[in-house]
Amino acid sequence: MTQAFIQPVTLTENGVQLEPLGLEHEESLRTAAADGELWRLRVTSVPEPEHTRAYIETALRMRAEGSRFAFAVRDLSTDRIVGSTSYHDILPALQRVEIGYTWYAQSVQRTHVNTTCKLLMMRHAFETLNCRVVGWRTDNFNFASQRAIERLGAKKDGVIRGHALRRDGTIRDTVMYSMTAGEWPEAKAQLLYLLNRPR
């Protein structure tokens, strides 16, 4: 059996810790999703409370298959799990990963948490995994997500029409973004600038 492209790792910066998602996070992940009843949002993948265990089990199965590596997001100032994010569509031969399945408790949205998570994941992808490209995808109606991705310095690749089902059964268009290794140094400098500003 070949070694997985992404090995288990815990990433920490700026009071935020990304730790490999496991079944031990079930209760705390359910609590995080309840902060804002995030599963009611039409354009996200947040699990309903009763489906939290299945959500984790699916992530672990995808990890075993090599297509996804999910993290729990811990706010070290409160020692609370406040969300989840993943590497997915992992393509070792192309040295490409995507970042997604990302959601946070309402109480930490629009704080330093997302910026820190993206810094950690992009730095690990480009500087440890030596990725050539990091990608993102989002619902065409998830304008907040599109703005957040664009703030990272990612470039819009285009829209895949009629690409995926939403939780309500409607079919979404998917907006695709990417960043290359050559674009990373400037994006990293901007992320560090944003994080180092007084909050």
Protein backbone atom coordinates (compact mmCIF):
# COMPACT_ATOMS: atom_id res chain seq x y z
CA MET A 1 0.00 0.00 0.00
CA THR A 2 1.39 3.39 -0.98
CA GLN A 3 1.76 6.08 1.63
CA ALA A 4 -1.04 8.66 1.67
CA PHE A 5 -0.18 12.01 0.10
CA ILE A 6 -1.44 13.82 3.21
CA GLN A 7 -0.21 12.37 6.48
CA PRO A 8 -1.98 13.05 9.81
CA VAL A 9 -0.82 16.41 11.10
CA THR A 10 -1.91 19.01 13.63
CA LEU A 11 -1.44 22.62 12.52
CA THR A 12 -1.41 25.53 14.99
CA GLU A 13 -1.14 29.30 14.60
CA ASN A 14 -2.61 32.42 16.13
CA GLY A 15 -4.75 30.63 18.74
CA VAL A 16 -6.31 28.25 16.20
CA GLN A 17 -5.55 24.54 15.91
CA LEU A 18 -6.44 22.17 13.08
CA GLU A 19 -6.50 18.58 14.28
CA PRO A 20 -7.44 15.44 12.31
CA LEU A 21 -11.21 14.95 12.52
CA GLY A 22 -12.25 11.84 14.42
CA LEU A 23 -15.27 10.29 16.09
CA GLU A 24 -14.14 11.84 19.38
CA HIS A 25 -15.20 15.21 17.94
CA GLU A 26 -18.84 14.17 17.42
CA GLU A 27 -20.42 15.98 20.35
CA SER A 28 -18.32 19.14 20.05
CA LEU A 29 -18.94 19.31 16.29
CA ARG A 30 -22.69 19.01 16.90
CA THR A 31 -22.46 21.89 19.38
CA ALA A 32 -20.53 24.03 16.89
CA ALA A 33 -23.13 23.47 14.17
CA ALA A 34 -25.92 24.38 16.61
CA ASP A 35 -24.30 27.82 17.06
CA GLY A 36 -26.38 29.50 14.37
CA GLU A 37 -28.26 26.33 13.28
CA LEU A 38 -25.89 26.20 10.32
CA TRP A 39 -27.48 23.11 8.76
CA ARG A 40 -30.47 25.29 7.82
CA LEU A 41 -28.33 27.22 5.34
CA ARG A 42 -29.18 26.09 1.83
CA VAL A 43 -25.68 26.53 0.38
CA THR A 44 -23.51 24.72 2.95
CA SER A 45 -22.59 21.12 3.81
CA VAL A 46 -23.02 21.45 7.60
CA PRO A 47 -24.51 18.27 9.10
CA GLU A 48 -27.84 18.22 10.89
CA PRO A 49 -27.35 17.29 14.59
CA GLU A 50 -28.59 13.74 14.11
CA HIS A 51 -26.25 13.22 11.14
CA THR A 52 -23.03 14.42 12.78
CA ARG A 53 -21.62 10.93 13.33
CA ALA A 54 -22.38 9.93 9.74
CA TYR A 55 -20.69 13.15 8.56
CA ILE A 56 -17.51 12.20 10.44
CA GLU A 57 -17.69 8.57 9.28
CA THR A 58 -17.98 9.73 5.67
CA ALA A 59 -14.96 12.01 6.11
CA LEU A 60 -12.96 9.12 7.60
CA ARG A 61 -13.96 6.79 4.75
CA MET A 62 -12.88 9.41 2.20
CA ARG A 63 -9.60 9.81 4.10
CA ALA A 64 -9.01 6.05 3.86
CA GLU A 65 -9.70 6.27 0.12
CA GLY A 66 -7.21 9.14 -0.21
CA SER A 67 -9.69 11.70 -1.55
CA ARG A 68 -10.24 13.88 1.55
CA PHE A 69 -8.48 14.80 4.80
CA ALA A 70 -10.79 16.51 7.29
CA PHE A 71 -9.83 18.64 10.27
CA ALA A 72 -11.68 19.79 13.36
CA VAL A 73 -11.06 23.49 14.06
CA ARG A 74 -10.26 24.27 17.69
CA ASP A 75 -10.28 27.78 19.20
CA LEU A 76 -7.46 27.48 21.74
CA SER A 77 -8.62 30.54 23.70
CA THR A 78 -11.78 28.67 24.72
CA ASP A 79 -10.66 25.09 23.94
CA ARG A 80 -13.83 24.73 21.84
CA ILE A 81 -14.26 22.97 18.52
CA VAL A 82 -15.74 25.71 16.33
CA GLY A 83 -16.03 24.02 12.95
CA SER A 84 -14.42 21.84 10.33
CA THR A 85 -12.46 22.15 7.10
CA SER A 86 -10.86 19.69 4.70
CA TYR A 87 -8.43 19.03 1.94
CA HIS A 88 -10.39 17.23 -0.78
CA ASP A 89 -10.15 16.15 -4.40
CA ILE A 90 -6.57 15.23 -3.56
CA LEU A 91 -4.58 14.50 -6.75
CA PRO A 92 -1.02 13.47 -5.81
CA ALA A 93 0.08 12.95 -9.44
CA LEU A 94 -0.83 16.57 -10.19
CA GLN A 95 0.36 17.88 -6.82
CA ARG A 96 -3.06 19.48 -6.41
CA VAL A 97 -5.52 19.65 -3.53
CA GLU A 98 -8.68 21.62 -2.93
CA ILE A 99 -9.77 23.23 0.33
CA GLY A 100 -13.43 22.95 1.23
CA TYR A 101 -16.13 21.37 3.38
CA THR A 102 -15.45 24.47 5.48
CA TRP A 103 -17.86 25.81 8.08
CA TYR A 104 -17.63 27.60 11.41
CA ALA A 105 -19.90 28.27 14.37
CA GLN A 106 -21.72 31.55 13.89
CA SER A 107 -19.95 33.09 16.90
CA VAL A 108 -16.51 32.87 15.21
CA GLN A 109 -17.55 33.88 11.72
CA ARG A 110 -15.95 37.12 10.52
CA THR A 111 -13.14 36.70 13.06
CA HIS A 112 -9.49 35.72 12.55
CA VAL A 113 -10.41 32.01 12.60
CA ASN A 114 -11.06 31.49 8.87
CA THR A 115 -8.06 33.55 7.79
CA THR A 116 -5.83 31.59 10.17
CA CYS A 117 -7.20 28.24 8.97
CA LYS A 118 -6.56 29.18 5.35
CA LEU A 119 -3.02 30.33 6.17
CA LEU A 120 -2.32 27.01 7.91
CA MET A 121 -3.78 24.88 5.13
CA MET A 122 -2.29 26.82 2.24
CA ARG A 123 1.14 26.95 3.89
CA HIS A 124 1.05 23.20 4.54
CA ALA A 125 -0.12 22.52 0.96
CA PHE A 126 2.46 24.69 -0.77
CA GLU A 127 5.43 24.45 1.60
CA THR A 128 5.17 20.90 3.01
CA LEU A 129 3.21 18.94 0.39
CA ASN A 130 4.82 20.97 -2.44
CA CYS A 131 1.52 21.40 -4.22
CA ARG A 132 1.55 23.17 -7.55
CA VAL A 133 -2.08 24.23 -7.28
CA VAL A 134 -4.64 24.67 -4.50
CA GLY A 135 -8.28 24.92 -5.52
CA TRP A 136 -11.63 25.91 -4.07
CA ARG A 137 -15.21 25.41 -5.20
CA THR A 138 -18.43 26.95 -3.93
CA ASP A 139 -22.12 27.30 -4.66
CA ASN A 140 -22.92 30.04 -7.18
CA PHE A 141 -25.32 31.54 -4.62
CA ASN A 142 -22.83 31.42 -1.74
CA PHE A 143 -21.61 34.97 -2.27
CA ALA A 144 -19.99 35.20 1.19
CA SER A 145 -17.86 32.17 0.38
CA GLN A 146 -16.90 33.60 -3.01
CA ARG A 147 -15.80 36.88 -1.42
CA ALA A 148 -13.80 35.01 1.24
CA ILE A 149 -12.01 32.91 -1.40
CA GLU A 150 -11.23 35.97 -3.50
CA ARG A 151 -9.81 37.76 -0.44
CA LEU A 152 -7.25 34.95 -0.19
CA GLY A 153 -5.89 35.92 -3.59
CA ALA A 154 -7.38 32.97 -5.46
CA LYS A 155 -8.30 33.41 -9.12
CA LYS A 156 -11.71 32.50 -10.52
CA ASP A 157 -11.33 29.68 -13.04
CA GLY A 158 -14.95 29.59 -14.15
CA VAL A 159 -18.38 28.13 -13.43
CA ILE A 160 -19.42 24.51 -13.90
CA ARG A 161 -23.13 24.62 -14.67
CA GLY A 162 -25.54 22.02 -13.30
CA HIS A 163 -22.72 20.48 -11.27
CA ALA A 164 -24.04 19.25 -7.90
CA LEU A 165 -27.12 18.75 -5.76
CA ARG A 166 -27.91 21.05 -2.85
CA ARG A 167 -29.39 19.67 0.36
CA ASP A 168 -32.84 20.90 -0.74
CA GLY A 169 -32.66 18.85 -3.94
CA THR A 170 -32.04 21.76 -6.31
CA ILE A 171 -29.11 21.62 -8.72
CA ARG A 172 -26.35 24.15 -8.21
CA ASP A 173 -23.78 25.75 -10.46
CA THR A 174 -20.28 25.50 -8.95
CA VAL A 175 -17.82 28.40 -9.00
CA MET A 176 -14.22 27.17 -9.26
CA TYR A 177 -11.13 29.01 -7.99
CA SER A 178 -7.42 28.22 -7.78
CA MET A 179 -4.03 29.52 -6.69
CA THR A 180 -0.68 28.41 -8.06
CA ALA A 181 2.55 27.91 -6.14
CA GLY A 182 3.95 31.01 -7.83
CA GLU A 183 1.09 33.12 -6.47
CA TRP A 184 1.46 31.81 -2.92
CA PRO A 185 4.25 34.11 -1.60
CA GLU A 186 2.20 37.26 -2.28
CA ALA A 187 -0.99 35.68 -0.91
CA LYS A 188 0.89 34.55 2.20
CA ALA A 189 2.22 38.06 2.79
CA GLN A 190 -1.30 39.46 2.55
CA LEU A 191 -2.73 36.85 4.95
CA LEU A 192 -0.01 37.58 7.49
CA TYR A 193 -0.67 41.30 7.12
CA LEU A 194 -4.39 40.78 7.78
CA LEU A 195 -3.73 38.58 10.81
CA ASN A 196 -1.18 40.95 12.33
CA ARG A 197 -3.43 43.99 12.24
CA PRO A 198 -4.86 45.03 15.62
CA ARG A 199 -8.20 43.28 16.21
